[in-house]
Protein backbone atom coordinates (compact mmCIF):
# COMPACT_ATOMS: atom_id res chain seq x y z
CA UNK A 1 -70.17 260.14 -108.19
CA UNK A 2 -69.28 260.44 -104.53
CA UNK A 3 -66.77 262.94 -103.23
CA UNK A 4 -63.76 262.55 -100.94
CA UNK A 5 -63.19 263.23 -97.25
CA UNK A 6 -59.68 264.52 -96.58
CA UNK A 7 -58.55 265.20 -93.01
CA UNK A 8 -55.85 267.70 -92.06
CA UNK A 9 -53.99 266.73 -88.87
CA UNK A 10 -51.02 268.09 -86.96
CA UNK A 11 -49.76 269.74 -83.80
CA UNK A 12 -51.03 273.20 -82.79
CA UNK A 13 -49.43 275.92 -84.87
CA UNK A 14 -48.65 273.68 -87.84
CA UNK A 15 -50.71 275.91 -90.14
CA UNK A 16 -53.28 273.30 -91.17
CA UNK A 17 -56.32 275.49 -90.42
CA UNK A 18 -54.96 278.40 -92.47
CA UNK A 19 -54.04 276.07 -95.34
CA UNK A 20 -57.43 274.35 -95.17
CA UNK A 21 -59.28 277.66 -95.50
CA UNK A 22 -57.12 278.68 -98.45
CA UNK A 23 -57.47 275.30 -100.16
CA UNK A 24 -61.26 275.42 -100.01
CA UNK A 25 -61.18 278.84 -101.73
CA UNK A 26 -59.18 277.36 -104.61
CA UNK A 27 -61.05 274.09 -105.11
CA UNK A 28 -64.48 273.65 -106.65
CA UNK A 29 -67.22 271.65 -104.99
CA UNK A 30 -65.27 271.52 -101.70
CA UNK A 31 -66.44 272.40 -98.20
CA UNK A 32 -64.52 272.88 -94.95
CA UNK A 33 -65.43 271.45 -91.56
CA UNK A 34 -63.59 273.66 -89.05
CA UNK A 35 -61.70 272.37 -86.04
CA UNK A 36 -63.81 271.26 -83.07
CA UNK A 37 -61.40 273.03 -80.71
CA UNK A 38 -62.34 276.39 -82.23
CA UNK A 39 -66.01 275.64 -81.60
CA UNK A 40 -65.21 274.63 -78.01
CA UNK A 41 -63.17 277.77 -77.33
CA UNK A 42 -65.97 279.96 -78.71
CA UNK A 43 -68.18 278.45 -76.00
CA UNK A 44 -65.61 279.08 -73.28
CA UNK A 45 -64.43 275.47 -72.95
CA UNK A 46 -60.76 274.87 -72.20
CA UNK A 47 -59.23 272.30 -74.49
CA UNK A 48 -55.96 270.48 -75.20
CA UNK A 49 -54.07 269.81 -71.95
CA UNK A 50 -56.69 271.56 -69.75
CA UNK A 51 -59.92 269.95 -70.99
CA UNK A 52 -62.38 268.59 -68.43
CA UNK A 53 -64.20 265.27 -68.71
CA UNK A 54 -67.36 267.17 -69.66
CA UNK A 55 -65.53 268.89 -72.50
CA UNK A 56 -64.04 265.61 -73.68
CA UNK A 57 -67.53 264.05 -73.78
CA UNK A 58 -68.73 267.00 -75.87
CA UNK A 59 -65.74 266.49 -78.19
CA UNK A 60 -66.63 262.84 -78.78
CA UNK A 61 -70.19 263.77 -79.73
CA UNK A 62 -68.94 266.47 -82.10
CA UNK A 63 -66.46 264.18 -83.84
CA UNK A 64 -69.18 261.58 -84.40
CA UNK A 65 -71.78 264.05 -85.73
CA UNK A 66 -69.17 265.77 -87.92
CA UNK A 67 -68.26 262.41 -89.42
CA UNK A 68 -71.89 261.66 -90.24
CA UNK A 69 -72.30 265.08 -91.86
CA UNK A 70 -69.06 264.68 -93.83
CA UNK A 71 -70.25 261.29 -95.10
CA UNK A 72 -73.58 262.81 -96.17
CA UNK A 73 -71.77 265.52 -98.13
CA UNK A 74 -69.42 262.94 -99.66
CA UNK A 75 -72.41 260.88 -100.82
CA UNK A 76 -73.87 264.02 -102.38
CA UNK A 77 -70.73 264.35 -104.47
CA UNK A 78 -68.99 267.08 -102.50
CA UNK A 79 -65.38 266.98 -101.33
CA UNK A 80 -64.89 267.62 -97.63
CA UNK A 81 -61.76 268.92 -95.91
CA UNK A 82 -61.97 268.19 -92.19
CA UNK A 83 -59.77 270.17 -89.83
CA UNK A 84 -58.93 267.27 -87.48
CA UNK A 85 -60.96 264.22 -86.49
CA UNK A 86 -60.68 261.20 -84.18
CA UNK A 87 -56.89 261.04 -84.59
CA UNK A 88 -56.44 264.28 -82.66
CA UNK A 89 -59.05 263.35 -80.07
CA UNK A 90 -57.20 260.13 -79.31
CA UNK A 91 -53.75 261.73 -79.48
CA UNK A 92 -54.58 264.43 -76.93
CA UNK A 93 -56.42 261.91 -74.78
CA UNK A 94 -53.33 259.70 -74.69
CA UNK A 95 -50.96 262.62 -74.05
CA UNK A 96 -53.10 264.03 -71.24
CA UNK A 97 -53.33 260.61 -69.59
CA UNK A 98 -49.55 260.19 -69.66
CA UNK A 99 -49.01 263.72 -68.32
CA UNK A 100 -51.66 263.85 -65.60
CA UNK A 101 -53.61 260.57 -65.52
CA UNK A 102 -56.54 262.37 -67.13
CA UNK A 103 -58.99 259.49 -67.79
CA UNK A 104 -60.49 260.91 -70.99
CA UNK A 105 -58.57 258.34 -73.06
CA UNK A 106 -60.77 255.65 -71.57
CA UNK A 107 -63.80 257.35 -73.11
CA UNK A 108 -62.24 258.18 -76.45
CA UNK A 109 -60.50 254.93 -77.27
CA UNK A 110 -63.37 252.48 -76.55
CA UNK A 111 -65.76 254.75 -78.43
CA UNK A 112 -63.42 254.79 -81.42
CA UNK A 113 -62.90 251.00 -81.35
CA UNK A 114 -66.61 250.21 -80.98
CA UNK A 115 -67.63 252.56 -83.78
CA UNK A 116 -64.91 251.15 -86.00
CA UNK A 117 -65.93 247.56 -85.22
CA UNK A 118 -69.63 248.05 -85.96
CA UNK A 119 -69.02 250.17 -89.04
CA UNK A 120 -70.43 253.46 -87.77
CA UNK A 121 -67.03 255.19 -87.80
CA UNK A 122 -66.76 257.40 -90.86
CA UNK A 123 -63.25 256.99 -92.19
CA UNK A 124 -61.66 259.57 -94.47
CA UNK A 125 -60.21 258.83 -97.88
CA UNK A 126 -56.87 260.43 -96.98
CA UNK A 127 -54.95 262.12 -94.19
CA UNK A 128 -52.61 265.07 -94.64
CA UNK A 129 -50.32 265.26 -91.62
CA UNK A 130 -48.60 268.63 -91.16
CA UNK A 131 -45.31 267.83 -89.45
CA UNK A 132 -43.46 270.39 -87.32
CA UNK A 133 -41.08 269.94 -84.37
CA UNK A 134 -42.60 270.22 -80.91
CA UNK A 135 -40.46 273.28 -80.20
CA UNK A 136 -41.78 274.95 -83.34
CA UNK A 137 -45.34 274.22 -82.24
CA UNK A 138 -44.66 276.02 -78.96
CA UNK A 139 -42.97 278.96 -80.70
CA UNK A 140 -45.80 279.44 -83.17
CA UNK A 141 -48.45 279.33 -80.47
CA UNK A 142 -46.55 281.93 -78.44
CA UNK A 143 -46.23 284.20 -81.48
CA UNK A 144 -49.96 284.21 -82.30
CA UNK A 145 -51.47 287.08 -80.36
CA UNK A 146 -54.96 286.26 -81.69
CA UNK A 147 -54.81 282.68 -80.39
CA UNK A 148 -57.27 282.25 -77.54
CA UNK A 149 -55.75 281.08 -74.29
CA UNK A 150 -58.22 278.17 -74.21
CA UNK A 151 -56.66 276.82 -77.42
CA UNK A 152 -53.03 276.86 -76.27
CA UNK A 153 -51.21 273.64 -75.44
CA UNK A 154 -48.47 274.75 -73.07
CA UNK A 155 -46.73 271.45 -72.32
CA UNK A 156 -43.80 270.13 -74.34
CA UNK A 157 -44.46 266.66 -72.91
CA UNK A 158 -48.10 266.70 -74.03
CA UNK A 159 -47.14 267.80 -77.54
CA UNK A 160 -44.41 265.18 -77.75
CA UNK A 161 -46.76 262.40 -76.72
CA UNK A 162 -49.38 263.65 -79.17
CA UNK A 163 -46.85 263.38 -81.98
CA UNK A 164 -45.94 259.85 -80.95
CA UNK A 165 -49.59 258.80 -80.85
CA UNK A 166 -50.26 260.29 -84.29
CA UNK A 167 -47.58 257.99 -85.73
CA UNK A 168 -49.17 254.96 -84.06
CA UNK A 169 -52.64 255.99 -85.22
CA UNK A 170 -51.68 256.27 -88.87
CA UNK A 171 -49.51 253.14 -88.97
CA UNK A 172 -51.47 250.81 -86.65
CA UNK A 173 -55.07 251.95 -86.25
CA UNK A 174 -55.84 253.20 -89.77
CA UNK A 175 -53.09 251.95 -92.10
CA UNK A 176 -55.68 251.44 -94.84
CA UNK A 177 -56.19 255.20 -95.21
CA UNK A 178 -53.74 257.01 -97.48
CA UNK A 179 -51.33 259.26 -95.55
CA UNK A 180 -49.44 262.25 -96.95
CA UNK A 181 -46.86 263.87 -94.69
CA UNK A 182 -46.29 267.57 -95.23
CA UNK A 183 -43.16 269.35 -93.97
CA UNK A 184 -44.98 272.30 -92.41
CA UNK A 185 -41.87 273.90 -90.91
CA UNK A 186 -41.26 275.62 -94.26
CA UNK A 187 -42.70 278.99 -95.32
CA UNK A 188 -46.47 279.01 -95.75
CA UNK A 189 -46.36 279.54 -99.53
CA UNK A 190 -44.25 276.43 -100.01
CA UNK A 191 -46.51 274.37 -97.76
CA UNK A 192 -49.63 275.57 -99.57
CA UNK A 193 -48.11 274.75 -102.97
CA UNK A 194 -47.34 271.18 -101.87
CA UNK A 195 -50.77 270.71 -100.30
CA UNK A 196 -52.56 271.94 -103.42
CA UNK A 197 -50.51 269.51 -105.49
CA UNK A 198 -51.54 266.61 -103.23
CA UNK A 199 -55.20 267.66 -103.25
CA UNK A 200 -55.30 268.10 -107.01
CA UNK A 201 -53.72 264.65 -107.44
CA UNK A 202 -56.24 263.07 -105.08
CA UNK A 203 -59.22 264.75 -106.70
CA UNK A 204 -57.89 264.13 -110.21
CA UNK A 205 -57.33 260.43 -109.53
CA UNK A 206 -60.79 260.19 -108.01
CA UNK A 207 -62.42 261.70 -111.08
CA UNK A 208 -60.38 259.73 -113.64
CA UNK A 209 -62.01 256.59 -115.08
CA UNK A 210 -60.50 253.35 -113.78
């Protein structure tokens, strides 16, 4: 039996990465694919609202190869939790274009559409969207002393436009993928409890005979 690919999405500071790591500890036969931004920052790339065209090109390659690897693991019967995928790439590309005419959107969006059209885009089985207000995203980033400067998104406008694009992505571009919205403004324990309930339901339904 194949596994499931479940993608965690949300604004910076929403807690998805922390929850993803904890969820993988609690679930059997489940692996985590960490956020591409963390890989980029470890190499000294600036991301979010300061990413260069070269960095954006690297991002596109990483999202594609991660999708292929996730699909391989799914076909082997493993469950995969992905910390972000194309949704975030497109959302930040859109927001950066609106804010500063950064042309990266015109690389991201055609690549996404072409891969989707020809069937090479690996789609997840479900999205979990961690919803927090833009102001809370800013506050949480500012409060995290360990957060690398390269990973900070310092523009309210960029964050706001990201949030708007996420809504369009889920409702227009991939409405066929199940979406679960998580109120991530609550305490971490409450968020984790809800997320584990959703994951256990998804995995349980997947394993149950039809």
